Amino acid sequence: GAGGGLDDDSNLKAYWKCDESGTPIPNSSVSDESLNSDADWTVTNGSYQQGSPPLNTALDFDDGDTLAVAGTSLTQWNFMHNQTALFSIVWWMKLSSLNPTGQFLNTTQSSVQAGMGLTLNTNESISFRIYNKAGEATAVASPAGFLPDATSWYMYCFRYNEVPASANAVWRRNDDNEDTDNKGAASPSNDDAGNALTFGAKVGGLYEFLDAQVNEVSLWNKTLSDDDEEKLYNGGSGLEIY
């Protein structure tokens, strides 16, 4: 189907523009595969910043109590952590502090639940972990220093494909700065996630809060092409999908 600036929105499960001033933030994807309102963000203690983002208004995760939960389903995000996990996520982010330890998104951080998590680390890397019910199944990470500073907006893209034997993870920043990583040897689980998809805070304990402004988050059940990323980056100005 038509995807606005991309001309193709196939497998676009969710798209959060962060241009609302309250909650919920709707899932704006109208693709044939959209999760529709089942993926709306319910925001807790969020504030909104206008003017500085490349596109629209940003949701400010303030490293204290802000989180956004994308619906209540424990099944609709299984494509991100099961035995055939396949997805891409693109987002614009401006850190509020460097050397962060914070959760960008997760459905579990427990070795006895199925699910996954995308975490910002103190060495300025981003790591992704898939968990099964017997322990950590997959861990990949960008290089240290991948998060460059706390003064500018950057577009980040993370692509993951569980099926290949190598180069399962691809990290890109500003349509460049590409790095790849290989999955671990353990096998993920096809069980449902332990929690609903949560942005900005560690599920369960509600800590490791994100300290950043975020907007234009798109989540796909496919690996985007380099050309798609280039179009979304749009020379640094950003491009709305719709």
Protein backbone atom coordinates (compact mmCIF):
# COMPACT_ATOMS: atom_id res chain seq x y z
CA GLY A 1 0.00 0.00 0.00
CA ALA A 2 0.93 3.66 -0.20
CA GLY A 3 3.28 4.79 2.52
CA GLY A 4 3.45 8.52 2.02
CA GLY A 5 7.08 9.51 1.57
CA LEU A 6 8.17 5.85 1.37
CA ASP A 7 5.54 4.83 -1.19
CA ASP A 8 5.29 1.47 0.59
CA ASP A 9 3.95 0.81 4.08
CA SER A 10 3.76 -2.99 3.85
CA ASN A 11 4.32 -4.68 7.21
CA LEU A 12 4.24 -1.37 9.09
CA LYS A 13 2.82 -2.65 12.37
CA ALA A 14 2.90 0.62 14.29
CA TYR A 15 3.85 4.26 13.78
CA TRP A 16 3.91 6.72 16.67
CA LYS A 17 4.35 10.31 15.58
CA CYS A 18 4.57 11.76 19.11
CA ASP A 19 2.74 14.87 17.92
CA GLU A 20 -0.02 14.54 20.51
CA SER A 21 -0.06 16.64 23.67
CA GLY A 22 -1.47 13.96 25.95
CA THR A 23 -2.39 10.28 26.03
CA PRO A 24 -2.98 8.05 24.22
CA ILE A 25 -0.59 8.63 21.35
CA PRO A 26 -2.34 6.81 18.49
CA ASN A 27 -0.81 4.18 16.29
CA SER A 28 -0.90 6.11 13.02
CA SER A 29 -0.14 3.15 10.74
CA VAL A 30 -2.89 2.47 8.21
CA SER A 31 -1.09 -0.40 6.47
CA ASP A 32 -2.86 -3.68 5.84
CA GLU A 33 -0.78 -5.18 8.68
CA SER A 34 -1.33 -2.36 11.18
CA LEU A 35 -2.11 -3.25 14.78
CA ASN A 36 -4.38 -0.20 14.81
CA SER A 37 -5.54 1.08 18.21
CA ASP A 38 -4.29 -2.10 19.90
CA ALA A 39 -0.85 -0.48 19.73
CA ASP A 40 -1.74 3.03 20.94
CA TRP A 41 0.74 4.40 23.48
CA THR A 42 -0.67 5.00 26.95
CA VAL A 43 1.73 7.59 28.34
CA THR A 44 2.44 8.01 32.05
CA ASN A 45 4.00 11.27 33.28
CA GLY A 46 5.03 12.38 29.81
CA SER A 47 5.72 15.94 28.72
CA TYR A 48 6.02 17.25 25.18
CA GLN A 49 8.66 19.42 23.55
CA GLN A 50 7.94 21.55 20.49
CA GLY A 51 10.29 23.24 18.07
CA SER A 52 13.51 21.26 18.34
CA PRO A 53 12.64 17.87 16.77
CA PRO A 54 13.15 17.31 13.03
CA LEU A 55 9.45 16.45 12.79
CA ASN A 56 6.45 17.16 14.99
CA THR A 57 6.45 17.27 18.77
CA ALA A 58 8.72 15.03 20.83
CA LEU A 59 7.77 12.97 23.86
CA ASP A 60 10.21 13.71 26.67
CA PHE A 61 11.24 10.64 28.68
CA ASP A 62 12.73 12.36 31.70
CA ASP A 63 14.82 9.64 33.41
CA GLY A 64 12.48 9.50 36.36
CA ASP A 65 8.96 8.24 35.80
CA THR A 66 7.93 8.54 32.13
CA LEU A 67 6.86 5.45 30.20
CA ALA A 68 4.63 4.57 27.28
CA VAL A 69 2.87 1.20 26.98
CA ALA A 70 1.73 0.05 23.53
CA GLY A 71 -1.55 -1.68 24.28
CA THR A 72 -2.11 -4.67 26.54
CA SER A 73 -1.55 -7.67 24.25
CA LEU A 74 1.16 -10.21 25.13
CA THR A 75 1.03 -11.78 21.67
CA GLN A 76 1.09 -8.98 19.10
CA TRP A 77 4.83 -8.29 19.52
CA ASN A 78 5.98 -11.92 19.31
CA PHE A 79 7.46 -11.22 15.87
CA MET A 80 10.19 -9.32 17.72
CA HIS A 81 11.40 -12.21 19.90
CA ASN A 82 10.26 -15.60 18.58
CA GLN A 83 12.18 -18.24 16.61
CA THR A 84 11.64 -16.35 13.35
CA ALA A 85 12.03 -12.85 14.80
CA LEU A 86 12.08 -10.25 12.03
CA PHE A 87 11.64 -6.51 12.46
CA SER A 88 12.99 -3.02 11.90
CA ILE A 89 12.52 -0.05 14.18
CA VAL A 90 13.32 3.54 13.22
CA TRP A 91 13.20 6.49 15.59
CA TRP A 92 14.49 10.01 16.08
CA MET A 93 16.10 10.61 19.47
CA LYS A 94 17.90 13.40 21.29
CA LEU A 95 19.59 12.27 24.48
CA SER A 96 19.12 14.43 27.55
CA SER A 97 22.25 12.93 29.14
CA LEU A 98 25.18 10.95 27.81
CA ASN A 99 26.44 7.72 29.43
CA PRO A 100 22.84 6.63 30.01
CA THR A 101 21.52 3.34 31.28
CA GLY A 102 17.94 3.22 30.13
CA GLN A 103 15.36 1.04 28.45
CA PHE A 104 14.28 2.16 25.02
CA LEU A 105 11.73 -0.66 24.73
CA ASN A 106 11.13 -4.07 26.25
CA THR A 107 8.59 -6.82 26.85
CA THR A 108 10.68 -8.55 29.51
CA GLN A 109 14.02 -8.29 31.27
CA SER A 110 13.60 -11.66 32.98
CA SER A 111 15.37 -14.91 32.17
CA VAL A 112 12.20 -16.86 33.04
CA GLN A 113 9.93 -15.06 30.56
CA ALA A 114 9.86 -14.88 26.79
CA GLY A 115 10.40 -11.44 25.33
CA MET A 116 13.06 -8.91 24.40
CA GLY A 117 14.60 -5.56 25.28
CA LEU A 118 16.47 -2.72 23.59
CA THR A 119 18.73 -0.94 26.09
CA LEU A 120 20.99 2.13 26.12
CA ASN A 121 24.24 1.42 27.97
CA THR A 122 26.83 3.44 29.90
CA ASN A 123 29.48 2.92 27.19
CA GLU A 124 27.15 4.70 24.71
CA SER A 125 26.20 1.48 22.95
CA ILE A 126 22.73 0.07 22.30
CA SER A 127 22.11 -3.61 23.03
CA PHE A 128 19.27 -5.92 22.07
CA ARG A 129 18.46 -9.12 23.96
CA ILE A 130 15.92 -11.85 23.28
CA TYR A 131 14.93 -13.99 26.25
CA ASN A 132 13.32 -17.41 26.40
CA LYS A 133 12.02 -19.15 29.51
CA ALA A 134 15.34 -20.89 30.11
CA GLY A 135 17.59 -17.82 30.10
CA GLU A 136 19.00 -15.26 27.69
CA ALA A 137 18.72 -16.51 24.13
CA THR A 138 20.22 -13.78 21.99
CA ALA A 139 22.37 -10.74 22.66
CA VAL A 140 23.67 -8.27 20.08
CA ALA A 141 25.08 -4.78 20.51
CA SER A 142 26.29 -1.78 18.60
CA PRO A 143 29.87 -0.62 19.21
CA ALA A 144 30.67 1.58 22.19
CA GLY A 145 30.22 5.26 21.34
CA PHE A 146 27.37 4.60 18.92
CA LEU A 147 25.34 7.21 20.83
CA PRO A 148 27.39 10.31 20.00
CA ASP A 149 26.26 13.16 22.26
CA ALA A 150 23.45 14.74 24.26
CA THR A 151 23.09 17.89 22.15
CA SER A 152 21.70 16.84 18.76
CA TRP A 153 18.89 14.88 17.15
CA TYR A 154 19.80 11.63 15.33
CA MET A 155 17.79 9.08 13.40
CA TYR A 156 18.44 5.52 14.53
CA CYS A 157 17.50 2.31 12.76
CA PHE A 158 17.82 -1.20 14.13
CA ARG A 159 17.10 -4.22 11.95
CA TYR A 160 16.97 -7.76 13.29
CA ASN A 161 16.51 -11.13 11.56
CA GLU A 162 16.83 -14.29 13.66
CA VAL A 163 16.98 -16.68 10.70
CA PRO A 164 20.41 -16.06 9.04
CA ALA A 165 23.51 -17.62 10.55
CA SER A 166 25.31 -14.27 10.80
CA ALA A 167 24.85 -10.50 10.53
CA ASN A 168 21.49 -10.83 12.28
CA ALA A 169 21.59 -7.30 13.65
CA VAL A 170 22.19 -4.12 11.68
CA TRP A 171 22.58 -0.77 13.44
CA ARG A 172 22.51 2.53 11.57
CA ARG A 173 22.61 6.18 12.64
CA ASN A 174 21.66 9.04 10.31
CA ASP A 175 21.48 6.65 7.33
CA ASP A 176 25.17 5.82 7.84
CA ASN A 177 27.52 4.61 10.59
CA GLU A 178 26.49 1.02 9.91
CA ASP A 179 27.54 -1.84 12.19
CA THR A 180 26.46 -5.48 12.31
CA ASP A 181 26.49 -8.18 14.97
CA ASN A 182 25.79 -11.90 15.14
CA LYS A 183 23.20 -13.61 17.35
CA GLY A 184 24.10 -15.99 20.16
CA ALA A 185 23.84 -19.75 19.91
CA ALA A 186 20.78 -20.30 22.10
CA SER A 187 17.33 -20.57 20.55
CA PRO A 188 14.49 -18.13 21.25
CA SER A 189 11.04 -19.24 22.38
CA ASN A 190 7.71 -19.00 20.59
CA ASP A 191 5.94 -18.31 23.89
CA ASP A 192 4.04 -15.08 24.38
CA ALA A 193 5.85 -12.10 25.86
CA GLY A 194 5.91 -11.65 29.60
CA ASN A 195 4.60 -8.07 29.45
CA ALA A 196 3.07 -5.57 27.08
CA LEU A 197 5.52 -3.57 24.96
CA THR A 198 6.85 -0.75 27.12
CA PHE A 199 8.92 2.25 26.03
CA GLY A 200 11.12 4.25 28.37
CA ALA A 201 11.23 2.06 31.47
CA LYS A 202 12.19 -1.45 32.50
CA VAL A 203 9.06 -3.58 32.79
CA GLY A 204 8.16 -4.97 36.17
CA GLY A 205 10.40 -2.88 38.37
CA LEU A 206 9.81 0.41 36.51
CA TYR A 207 13.38 1.60 36.68
CA GLU A 208 16.26 2.17 34.24
CA PHE A 209 14.20 5.02 32.81
CA LEU A 210 15.10 6.53 29.46
CA ASP A 211 16.51 10.07 29.53
CA ALA A 212 15.81 11.37 26.03
CA GLN A 213 13.33 13.03 23.70
CA VAL A 214 11.83 10.73 21.07
CA ASN A 215 9.62 11.09 18.01
CA GLU A 216 8.69 9.46 14.67
CA VAL A 217 8.92 5.84 15.86
CA SER A 218 8.04 3.26 13.21
CA LEU A 219 8.02 -0.51 13.80
CA TRP A 220 7.98 -2.95 10.90
CA ASN A 221 7.66 -6.74 10.54
CA LYS A 222 10.39 -6.78 7.90
CA THR A 223 13.91 -5.52 7.35
CA LEU A 224 13.90 -2.10 5.74
CA SER A 225 16.24 -1.40 2.86
CA ASP A 226 19.04 1.16 2.94
CA ASP A 227 17.02 3.18 0.43
CA ASP A 228 14.03 3.24 2.79
CA GLU A 229 16.24 4.53 5.59
CA GLU A 230 17.75 7.18 3.34
CA LYS A 231 14.26 8.43 2.46
CA LEU A 232 13.18 8.54 6.11
CA TYR A 233 16.34 10.41 7.06
CA ASN A 234 15.69 12.92 4.26
CA GLY A 235 19.04 14.65 4.55
CA GLY A 236 18.53 15.20 8.29
CA SER A 237 15.12 16.85 8.01
CA GLY A 238 13.16 13.66 8.56
CA LEU A 239 10.23 12.41 6.53
CA GLU A 240 6.77 11.56 7.81
CA ILE A 241 5.45 8.22 6.54
CA TYR A 242 1.97 9.75 6.29
